[in-house]
Protein backbone atom coordinates (compact mmCIF):
# COMPACT_ATOMS: atom_id res chain seq x y z
CA MET A 1 -34.50 46.92 -29.89
CA TYR A 2 -32.81 48.80 -32.68
CA TYR A 3 -34.88 51.97 -31.83
CA ILE A 4 -33.82 51.73 -28.08
CA ARG A 5 -30.14 51.39 -28.95
CA GLU A 6 -30.35 54.37 -31.32
CA LYS A 7 -32.00 56.43 -28.59
CA LYS A 8 -29.23 55.50 -26.10
CA MET A 9 -26.64 56.53 -28.67
CA ILE A 10 -28.35 59.84 -29.34
CA ARG A 11 -28.56 60.50 -25.59
CA LYS A 12 -24.77 59.61 -25.23
CA TYR A 13 -23.90 62.16 -28.05
CA LEU A 14 -26.07 64.86 -26.39
CA ILE A 15 -24.46 64.45 -23.08
CA PHE A 16 -21.14 64.80 -24.61
CA PHE A 17 -21.82 67.66 -27.08
CA ILE A 18 -24.18 69.81 -25.19
CA PRO A 19 -21.56 70.87 -22.48
CA ILE A 20 -19.02 71.55 -25.26
CA VAL A 21 -21.52 73.70 -27.25
CA LEU A 22 -22.55 75.69 -24.06
CA ALA A 23 -18.96 76.23 -22.99
CA THR A 24 -18.09 77.44 -26.41
CA ALA A 25 -21.10 79.78 -26.50
CA PHE A 26 -20.08 81.05 -23.13
CA PHE A 27 -16.53 81.87 -24.01
CA LEU A 28 -17.36 83.33 -27.28
CA GLY A 29 -20.20 85.40 -25.81
CA CYS A 30 -17.94 86.91 -23.23
CA LYS A 31 -16.84 90.27 -24.58
CA LYS A 32 -13.34 91.10 -23.48
CA GLN A 33 -13.64 94.66 -21.94
CA GLU A 34 -10.90 97.01 -23.28
CA LEU A 35 -8.98 98.63 -20.53
CA VAL A 36 -8.59 102.41 -21.00
CA SER A 37 -6.57 104.37 -18.62
CA VAL A 38 -8.37 106.85 -16.28
CA VAL A 39 -5.78 109.47 -17.29
CA PRO A 40 -7.08 111.28 -20.37
CA SER A 41 -5.17 110.64 -23.65
CA ILE A 42 -5.39 113.08 -26.54
CA LYS A 43 -4.24 113.07 -30.14
CA TYR A 44 -3.94 116.08 -32.56
CA VAL A 45 -6.26 115.82 -35.52
CA GLY A 46 -5.78 119.17 -37.38
CA PHE A 47 -6.78 122.87 -37.63
CA SER A 48 -8.70 125.14 -39.97
CA LYS A 49 -8.72 128.92 -40.32
CA VAL A 50 -11.62 131.16 -41.23
CA GLN A 51 -11.55 134.67 -42.44
CA TYR A 52 -14.41 137.17 -42.14
CA PRO A 53 -15.66 138.34 -45.56
CA ASN A 54 -13.75 141.47 -46.67
CA SER A 55 -10.90 140.82 -44.28
CA SER A 56 -7.36 140.00 -45.09
CA SER A 57 -6.66 138.70 -41.63
CA ASP A 58 -7.49 135.27 -40.01
CA SER A 59 -10.59 135.71 -37.79
CA VAL A 60 -10.67 132.34 -36.00
CA ILE A 61 -8.51 129.20 -35.84
CA PHE A 62 -10.31 125.82 -35.10
CA VAL A 63 -8.03 123.21 -33.46
CA GLN A 64 -9.45 119.63 -33.33
CA PHE A 65 -8.10 116.67 -31.15
CA ASN A 66 -9.39 113.22 -30.29
CA PHE A 67 -9.55 112.25 -26.58
CA GLN A 68 -10.01 109.13 -24.68
CA ASP A 69 -10.68 108.73 -20.88
CA GLY A 70 -11.32 105.53 -19.08
CA ASP A 71 -13.72 106.84 -16.44
CA GLY A 72 -15.34 109.54 -18.40
CA ASP A 73 -14.85 112.40 -16.14
CA ILE A 74 -14.12 114.95 -18.88
CA GLY A 75 -15.57 118.41 -18.64
CA LEU A 76 -17.03 120.64 -15.92
CA ASP A 77 -20.66 121.79 -15.13
CA LEU A 78 -21.57 125.40 -14.62
CA GLY A 79 -21.93 124.57 -10.96
CA ASP A 80 -18.28 123.42 -10.57
CA THR A 81 -17.17 126.58 -9.00
CA THR A 82 -15.81 125.41 -5.68
CA SER A 83 -12.14 124.74 -4.99
CA PRO A 84 -10.18 123.42 -7.11
CA PHE A 85 -12.52 124.71 -10.02
CA ARG A 86 -13.12 128.22 -8.57
CA ILE A 87 -12.35 131.25 -10.74
CA GLY A 88 -8.72 132.15 -10.47
CA GLU A 89 -7.60 128.76 -9.31
CA LEU A 90 -5.37 126.47 -11.23
CA TYR A 91 -8.08 124.07 -12.31
CA TYR A 92 -10.74 126.59 -13.23
CA TYR A 93 -9.89 125.70 -16.86
CA ASN A 94 -9.81 122.08 -18.03
CA VAL A 95 -8.06 122.69 -21.26
CA ILE A 96 -4.63 124.35 -21.09
CA GLY A 97 -3.11 125.78 -24.25
CA GLU A 98 0.07 127.69 -24.95
CA TYR A 99 0.78 130.11 -27.74
CA LEU A 100 4.30 129.73 -29.18
CA GLN A 101 5.50 132.18 -31.83
CA PHE A 102 8.18 131.51 -34.50
CA THR A 103 10.97 133.84 -33.83
CA ASN A 104 14.64 133.69 -35.18
CA GLY A 105 14.15 130.16 -36.51
CA ILE A 106 12.61 128.55 -33.28
CA TYR A 107 9.33 128.59 -31.42
CA ASN A 108 9.16 130.49 -28.07
CA HIS A 109 6.32 131.33 -25.59
CA LEU A 110 4.31 134.39 -26.81
CA ILE A 111 4.94 137.19 -24.25
CA MET A 112 3.02 140.37 -23.96
CA GLY A 113 3.62 142.92 -21.25
CA GLY A 114 5.82 140.52 -19.36
CA ASP A 115 3.19 137.79 -19.18
CA THR A 116 3.10 134.44 -21.21
CA ILE A 117 0.03 134.19 -23.30
CA ASN A 118 -2.13 131.16 -23.08
CA PHE A 119 -5.54 130.19 -24.55
CA ASN A 120 -7.13 128.24 -21.75
CA ASP A 121 -10.67 127.01 -22.03
CA ARG A 122 -13.38 125.43 -19.90
CA ILE A 123 -15.35 122.49 -21.67
CA ALA A 124 -18.70 121.38 -20.50
CA ASP A 125 -19.25 118.02 -18.68
CA ILE A 126 -19.60 115.16 -21.22
CA GLN A 127 -19.69 112.27 -18.86
CA PRO A 128 -21.76 109.40 -20.18
CA ASP A 129 -24.91 108.15 -18.43
CA SER A 130 -24.21 104.52 -19.22
CA ARG A 131 -22.69 101.92 -16.92
CA ASN A 132 -19.42 101.86 -18.97
CA LYS A 133 -17.96 105.39 -18.17
CA GLY A 134 -15.23 105.13 -20.75
CA ILE A 135 -15.56 107.83 -23.24
CA ASN A 136 -13.90 109.10 -26.54
CA GLY A 137 -14.52 111.63 -29.14
CA THR A 138 -13.37 114.71 -30.81
CA ILE A 139 -12.99 118.22 -29.28
CA THR A 140 -12.86 121.35 -31.46
CA LEU A 141 -11.34 124.61 -29.77
CA LYS A 142 -12.13 127.92 -31.23
CA ILE A 143 -9.06 130.19 -31.03
CA THR A 144 -9.46 133.93 -31.64
CA PRO A 145 -6.65 136.08 -32.81
CA ILE A 146 -4.12 137.60 -30.44
CA SER A 147 -4.53 141.35 -29.84
CA GLY A 148 -2.37 143.87 -28.23
CA GLY A 149 0.37 144.55 -30.78
CA VAL A 150 2.02 141.09 -31.07
CA LEU A 151 1.71 140.05 -34.64
CA PRO A 152 3.53 136.75 -35.17
CA ASP A 153 3.45 135.33 -38.74
CA SER A 154 3.56 131.68 -37.53
CA ILE A 155 2.42 130.12 -34.38
CA LYS A 156 2.32 126.70 -32.71
CA LEU A 157 -0.06 125.56 -30.11
CA ASN A 158 0.57 123.08 -27.29
CA ILE A 159 -2.64 121.70 -25.60
CA CYS A 160 -3.38 119.55 -22.52
CA LEU A 161 -6.70 118.23 -21.19
CA ILE A 162 -7.45 117.89 -17.47
CA ASP A 163 -10.27 115.68 -16.15
CA ARG A 164 -12.34 116.26 -12.92
CA ALA A 165 -9.91 113.91 -10.93
CA LEU A 166 -7.18 116.42 -11.87
CA HIS A 167 -5.50 113.95 -14.29
CA ARG A 168 -3.47 115.71 -16.94
CA SER A 169 -3.41 114.25 -20.34
CA ASN A 170 -0.38 114.04 -22.62
CA VAL A 171 0.59 117.46 -24.32
CA ILE A 172 -0.12 117.77 -28.01
CA ALA A 173 1.43 120.23 -30.51
CA THR A 174 -0.13 121.58 -33.60
CA GLY A 175 2.90 122.14 -35.71
CA GLY A 176 3.48 125.59 -37.32
CA ILE A 177 0.32 127.45 -38.35
CA LYS A 178 0.84 130.45 -40.65
CA VAL A 179 -1.34 133.36 -39.46
CA ARG A 180 -2.36 136.80 -40.60
CA PHE A 181 -3.42 138.97 -37.73
């Protein structure tokens, strides 16, 4: 009799505790998905300069920035050459950069021959293959010296990233970079 009563008590506790344990495991096991905007976001990391041996001028400037995009549509394939990504069209480049030169105490757009100088770039498609399309990482841009007679001693770069849905990221600025061209 004592054994049957003990068995009923155990069954009573199991009926009470099993749903609690399962519910707790379910709620703790559900990973809350972080919502990231489908509009790319970028953040300036830093820059470095490289000089070729036996040269007193800067040969290359590398600018790094972190990016984040909720749907992962960053970059373009080689085959992305139809409108709006066709050569000569507004979205052929997916990284838009502006050179600013330090003149008379302020940074102004760098102008040569009546044209504003930019350093636009086209980065390759980096869309993930996974089910979760959100993506983040670091992009390093290689920027070569300006030629054509303009020799600023300090420049600043403004950079924007555009995804395949034509969403424009925020604009980041490098701050002043002393250069020797």
